[in-house]
Amino acid sequence: MSADPVEAFIARWQSAGGSERANYQLFITELCYLLGLPKPEPAQAEASDNAYVFERRVTFRHGDGSSSNGFIDCYRRAAFILEAKQT
């Protein structure tokens, strides 16, 4: 096992399989730890209170005027949204 935390992280995740849902929250949490960043917080019942969470509820507005409900895999207000994809 590598003494370098970055190399150890890469080695741990480079052959990860399974589904996107099975891995992305653990991957992001470990990446935050590696980078010395705060990890997402527990979600609250009111979506507007969720400033940094996994699976944030959103309403998608479509070009035809319709809308649909959905979720963003990881959301941090005023910083980023992340949609995880397993390859």
N, C-alpha and C. Protein backbone atom coordinates (compact mmCIF):
# COMPACT_ATOMS: atom_id res chain seq x y z
N MET A 1 0.84 -1.18 0.00
CA MET A 1 0.00 0.00 0.00
C MET A 1 0.88 1.25 0.00
N SER A 2 0.49 2.24 -0.76
CA SER A 2 1.26 3.45 -0.91
C SER A 2 1.17 4.35 0.32
N ALA A 3 2.28 5.01 0.64
CA ALA A 3 2.29 5.97 1.74
C ALA A 3 1.71 7.31 1.29
N ASP A 4 1.66 7.54 -0.01
CA ASP A 4 1.10 8.77 -0.56
C ASP A 4 -0.42 8.68 -0.56
N PRO A 5 -1.12 9.59 0.16
CA PRO A 5 -2.58 9.50 0.23
C PRO A 5 -3.27 9.63 -1.13
N VAL A 6 -2.71 10.43 -2.02
CA VAL A 6 -3.31 10.59 -3.35
C VAL A 6 -3.20 9.28 -4.13
N GLU A 7 -2.02 8.68 -4.11
CA GLU A 7 -1.86 7.40 -4.82
C GLU A 7 -2.74 6.31 -4.22
N ALA A 8 -2.87 6.31 -2.90
CA ALA A 8 -3.73 5.32 -2.25
C ALA A 8 -5.19 5.51 -2.65
N PHE A 9 -5.62 6.76 -2.73
CA PHE A 9 -6.99 7.07 -3.16
C PHE A 9 -7.22 6.58 -4.59
N ILE A 10 -6.30 6.90 -5.47
CA ILE A 10 -6.42 6.47 -6.87
C ILE A 10 -6.45 4.95 -6.96
N ALA A 11 -5.56 4.29 -6.26
CA ALA A 11 -5.53 2.82 -6.29
C ALA A 11 -6.84 2.22 -5.79
N ARG A 12 -7.38 2.81 -4.74
CA ARG A 12 -8.64 2.31 -4.17
C ARG A 12 -9.78 2.42 -5.16
N TRP A 13 -9.82 3.52 -5.93
CA TRP A 13 -10.99 3.80 -6.75
C TRP A 13 -10.84 3.45 -8.23
N GLN A 14 -9.64 3.24 -8.73
CA GLN A 14 -9.49 3.08 -10.18
C GLN A 14 -10.17 1.82 -10.72
N SER A 15 -10.35 0.82 -9.93
CA SER A 15 -11.00 -0.38 -10.45
C SER A 15 -12.40 -0.58 -9.86
N ALA A 16 -12.93 0.47 -9.25
CA ALA A 16 -14.27 0.35 -8.65
C ALA A 16 -15.30 0.05 -9.73
N GLY A 17 -16.15 -0.86 -9.44
CA GLY A 17 -17.23 -1.22 -10.36
C GLY A 17 -18.56 -0.99 -9.67
N GLY A 18 -19.53 -1.72 -10.09
CA GLY A 18 -20.84 -1.55 -9.48
C GLY A 18 -21.56 -0.36 -10.08
N SER A 19 -22.61 0.01 -9.44
CA SER A 19 -23.42 1.09 -9.98
C SER A 19 -22.98 2.45 -9.45
N GLU A 20 -23.37 3.47 -10.18
CA GLU A 20 -23.11 4.85 -9.77
C GLU A 20 -23.65 5.08 -8.36
N ARG A 21 -24.87 4.69 -8.11
CA ARG A 21 -25.50 4.92 -6.80
C ARG A 21 -24.77 4.20 -5.67
N ALA A 22 -24.16 3.08 -5.97
CA ALA A 22 -23.47 2.31 -4.94
C ALA A 22 -22.20 2.99 -4.46
N ASN A 23 -21.61 3.85 -5.28
CA ASN A 23 -20.27 4.37 -4.97
C ASN A 23 -20.13 5.87 -4.82
N TYR A 24 -20.96 6.67 -5.45
CA TYR A 24 -20.61 8.08 -5.57
C TYR A 24 -20.57 8.83 -4.24
N GLN A 25 -21.45 8.55 -3.29
CA GLN A 25 -21.41 9.28 -2.03
C GLN A 25 -20.16 8.96 -1.24
N LEU A 26 -19.76 7.71 -1.22
CA LEU A 26 -18.53 7.32 -0.55
C LEU A 26 -17.31 7.95 -1.24
N PHE A 27 -17.30 7.91 -2.58
CA PHE A 27 -16.20 8.50 -3.35
C PHE A 27 -16.06 9.99 -3.03
N ILE A 28 -17.16 10.74 -3.07
CA ILE A 28 -17.11 12.19 -2.82
C ILE A 28 -16.68 12.47 -1.38
N THR A 29 -17.19 11.71 -0.43
CA THR A 29 -16.81 11.90 0.97
C THR A 29 -15.32 11.67 1.16
N GLU A 30 -14.79 10.60 0.56
CA GLU A 30 -13.35 10.33 0.67
C GLU A 30 -12.52 11.38 -0.06
N LEU A 31 -13.01 11.86 -1.20
CA LEU A 31 -12.30 12.91 -1.94
C LEU A 31 -12.25 14.20 -1.11
N CYS A 32 -13.35 14.56 -0.47
CA CYS A 32 -13.35 15.75 0.40
C CYS A 32 -12.32 15.61 1.50
N TYR A 33 -12.28 14.43 2.13
CA TYR A 33 -11.29 14.18 3.19
C TYR A 33 -9.87 14.33 2.65
N LEU A 34 -9.61 13.74 1.50
CA LEU A 34 -8.28 13.80 0.89
C LEU A 34 -7.87 15.25 0.63
N LEU A 35 -8.81 16.07 0.17
CA LEU A 35 -8.52 17.47 -0.17
C LEU A 35 -8.61 18.41 1.03
N GLY A 36 -9.00 17.88 2.19
CA GLY A 36 -9.12 18.72 3.37
C GLY A 36 -10.32 19.65 3.32
N LEU A 37 -11.36 19.23 2.63
CA LEU A 37 -12.58 20.04 2.47
C LEU A 37 -13.70 19.48 3.33
N PRO A 38 -14.68 20.33 3.67
CA PRO A 38 -15.82 19.80 4.42
C PRO A 38 -16.62 18.83 3.57
N LYS A 39 -17.21 17.84 4.23
CA LYS A 39 -18.04 16.88 3.50
C LYS A 39 -19.49 17.37 3.52
N PRO A 40 -20.33 16.88 2.61
CA PRO A 40 -21.73 17.29 2.58
C PRO A 40 -22.41 17.01 3.93
N GLU A 41 -23.45 17.80 4.18
CA GLU A 41 -24.18 17.75 5.45
C GLU A 41 -25.44 16.90 5.31
N PRO A 42 -26.01 16.48 6.43
CA PRO A 42 -27.29 15.76 6.35
C PRO A 42 -28.37 16.65 5.74
N ALA A 43 -29.20 16.07 4.92
CA ALA A 43 -30.27 16.82 4.26
C ALA A 43 -31.37 17.18 5.25
N GLN A 44 -31.98 18.33 5.04
CA GLN A 44 -33.11 18.81 5.84
C GLN A 44 -34.40 18.60 5.04
N ALA A 45 -35.52 18.61 5.71
CA ALA A 45 -36.81 18.40 5.04
C ALA A 45 -37.11 19.51 4.03
N GLU A 46 -36.74 20.73 4.35
CA GLU A 46 -37.00 21.87 3.46
C GLU A 46 -35.81 22.03 2.50
N ALA A 47 -36.07 21.87 1.21
CA ALA A 47 -34.99 21.90 0.21
C ALA A 47 -34.17 23.19 0.27
N SER A 48 -34.80 24.32 0.56
CA SER A 48 -34.07 25.59 0.59
C SER A 48 -33.04 25.65 1.72
N ASP A 49 -33.17 24.77 2.72
CA ASP A 49 -32.20 24.71 3.81
C ASP A 49 -30.97 23.88 3.47
N ASN A 50 -31.01 23.19 2.36
CA ASN A 50 -29.94 22.26 1.98
C ASN A 50 -28.87 22.95 1.14
N ALA A 51 -27.88 23.52 1.83
CA ALA A 51 -26.84 24.27 1.15
C ALA A 51 -25.71 23.40 0.61
N TYR A 52 -25.50 22.23 1.20
CA TYR A 52 -24.41 21.34 0.77
C TYR A 52 -24.79 19.91 1.14
N VAL A 53 -25.41 19.23 0.19
CA VAL A 53 -25.98 17.91 0.46
C VAL A 53 -25.89 16.99 -0.76
N PHE A 54 -26.05 15.70 -0.48
CA PHE A 54 -26.28 14.72 -1.53
C PHE A 54 -27.78 14.69 -1.83
N GLU A 55 -28.12 14.36 -3.06
CA GLU A 55 -29.51 14.14 -3.46
C GLU A 55 -30.42 15.32 -3.13
N ARG A 56 -30.03 16.53 -3.57
CA ARG A 56 -30.84 17.72 -3.31
C ARG A 56 -32.03 17.75 -4.27
N ARG A 57 -33.20 17.94 -3.71
CA ARG A 57 -34.42 18.03 -4.52
C ARG A 57 -34.41 19.31 -5.35
N VAL A 58 -34.80 19.19 -6.61
CA VAL A 58 -34.88 20.35 -7.51
C VAL A 58 -36.09 20.19 -8.43
N THR A 59 -36.50 21.31 -8.98
CA THR A 59 -37.50 21.30 -10.05
C THR A 59 -36.79 21.68 -11.33
N PHE A 60 -36.80 20.79 -12.30
CA PHE A 60 -36.19 21.06 -13.59
C PHE A 60 -37.22 21.76 -14.47
N ARG A 61 -36.85 22.90 -15.04
CA ARG A 61 -37.72 23.64 -15.95
C ARG A 61 -37.22 23.38 -17.37
N HIS A 62 -38.13 22.91 -18.21
CA HIS A 62 -37.78 22.51 -19.57
C HIS A 62 -38.12 23.60 -20.57
N GLY A 63 -37.46 23.57 -21.71
CA GLY A 63 -37.64 24.58 -22.75
C GLY A 63 -39.06 24.69 -23.27
N ASP A 64 -39.83 23.63 -23.15
CA ASP A 64 -41.21 23.66 -23.64
C ASP A 64 -42.19 24.23 -22.61
N GLY A 65 -41.66 24.72 -21.47
CA GLY A 65 -42.50 25.29 -20.44
C GLY A 65 -42.93 24.31 -19.37
N SER A 66 -42.69 23.04 -19.57
CA SER A 66 -43.05 22.04 -18.57
C SER A 66 -41.95 21.97 -17.50
N SER A 67 -42.24 21.25 -16.43
CA SER A 67 -41.25 21.05 -15.38
C SER A 67 -41.38 19.63 -14.84
N SER A 68 -40.33 19.16 -14.20
CA SER A 68 -40.34 17.84 -13.58
C SER A 68 -39.48 17.89 -12.32
N ASN A 69 -39.80 17.03 -11.38
CA ASN A 69 -39.04 16.96 -10.14
C ASN A 69 -37.89 15.99 -10.31
N GLY A 70 -36.80 16.28 -9.62
CA GLY A 70 -35.64 15.40 -9.68
C GLY A 70 -34.69 15.68 -8.55
N PHE A 71 -33.47 15.18 -8.70
CA PHE A 71 -32.45 15.32 -7.68
C PHE A 71 -31.11 15.63 -8.34
N ILE A 72 -30.28 16.40 -7.64
CA ILE A 72 -28.89 16.63 -8.03
C ILE A 72 -28.05 15.75 -7.10
N ASP A 73 -27.12 14.99 -7.67
CA ASP A 73 -26.34 14.03 -6.87
C ASP A 73 -25.62 14.70 -5.70
N CYS A 74 -24.95 15.81 -5.94
CA CYS A 74 -24.30 16.56 -4.87
C CYS A 74 -24.40 18.04 -5.22
N TYR A 75 -24.81 18.84 -4.25
CA TYR A 75 -25.06 20.26 -4.46
C TYR A 75 -24.40 21.07 -3.36
N ARG A 76 -23.69 22.13 -3.74
CA ARG A 76 -23.16 23.08 -2.77
C ARG A 76 -23.51 24.48 -3.26
N ARG A 77 -24.38 25.14 -2.52
CA ARG A 77 -24.90 26.45 -2.90
C ARG A 77 -23.76 27.42 -3.23
N ALA A 78 -23.92 28.12 -4.33
CA ALA A 78 -22.99 29.16 -4.79
C ALA A 78 -21.60 28.62 -5.13
N ALA A 79 -21.48 27.28 -5.26
CA ALA A 79 -20.17 26.72 -5.57
C ALA A 79 -20.23 25.76 -6.76
N PHE A 80 -21.05 24.68 -6.66
CA PHE A 80 -21.08 23.69 -7.72
C PHE A 80 -22.28 22.77 -7.58
N ILE A 81 -22.58 22.07 -8.68
CA ILE A 81 -23.44 20.89 -8.65
C ILE A 81 -22.61 19.77 -9.26
N LEU A 82 -22.87 18.55 -8.81
CA LEU A 82 -22.12 17.41 -9.30
C LEU A 82 -23.11 16.31 -9.65
N GLU A 83 -23.00 15.80 -10.86
CA GLU A 83 -23.76 14.63 -11.31
C GLU A 83 -22.76 13.52 -11.54
N ALA A 84 -22.87 12.48 -10.77
CA ALA A 84 -21.93 11.37 -10.85
C ALA A 84 -22.32 10.43 -11.99
N LYS A 85 -21.31 9.90 -12.65
CA LYS A 85 -21.52 8.90 -13.72
C LYS A 85 -20.51 7.78 -13.54
N GLN A 86 -20.99 6.56 -13.59
CA GLN A 86 -20.12 5.39 -13.48
C GLN A 86 -19.73 4.94 -14.88
N THR A 87 -18.45 4.71 -15.09
CA THR A 87 -18.01 4.23 -16.40
C THR A 87 -17.44 2.84 -16.28
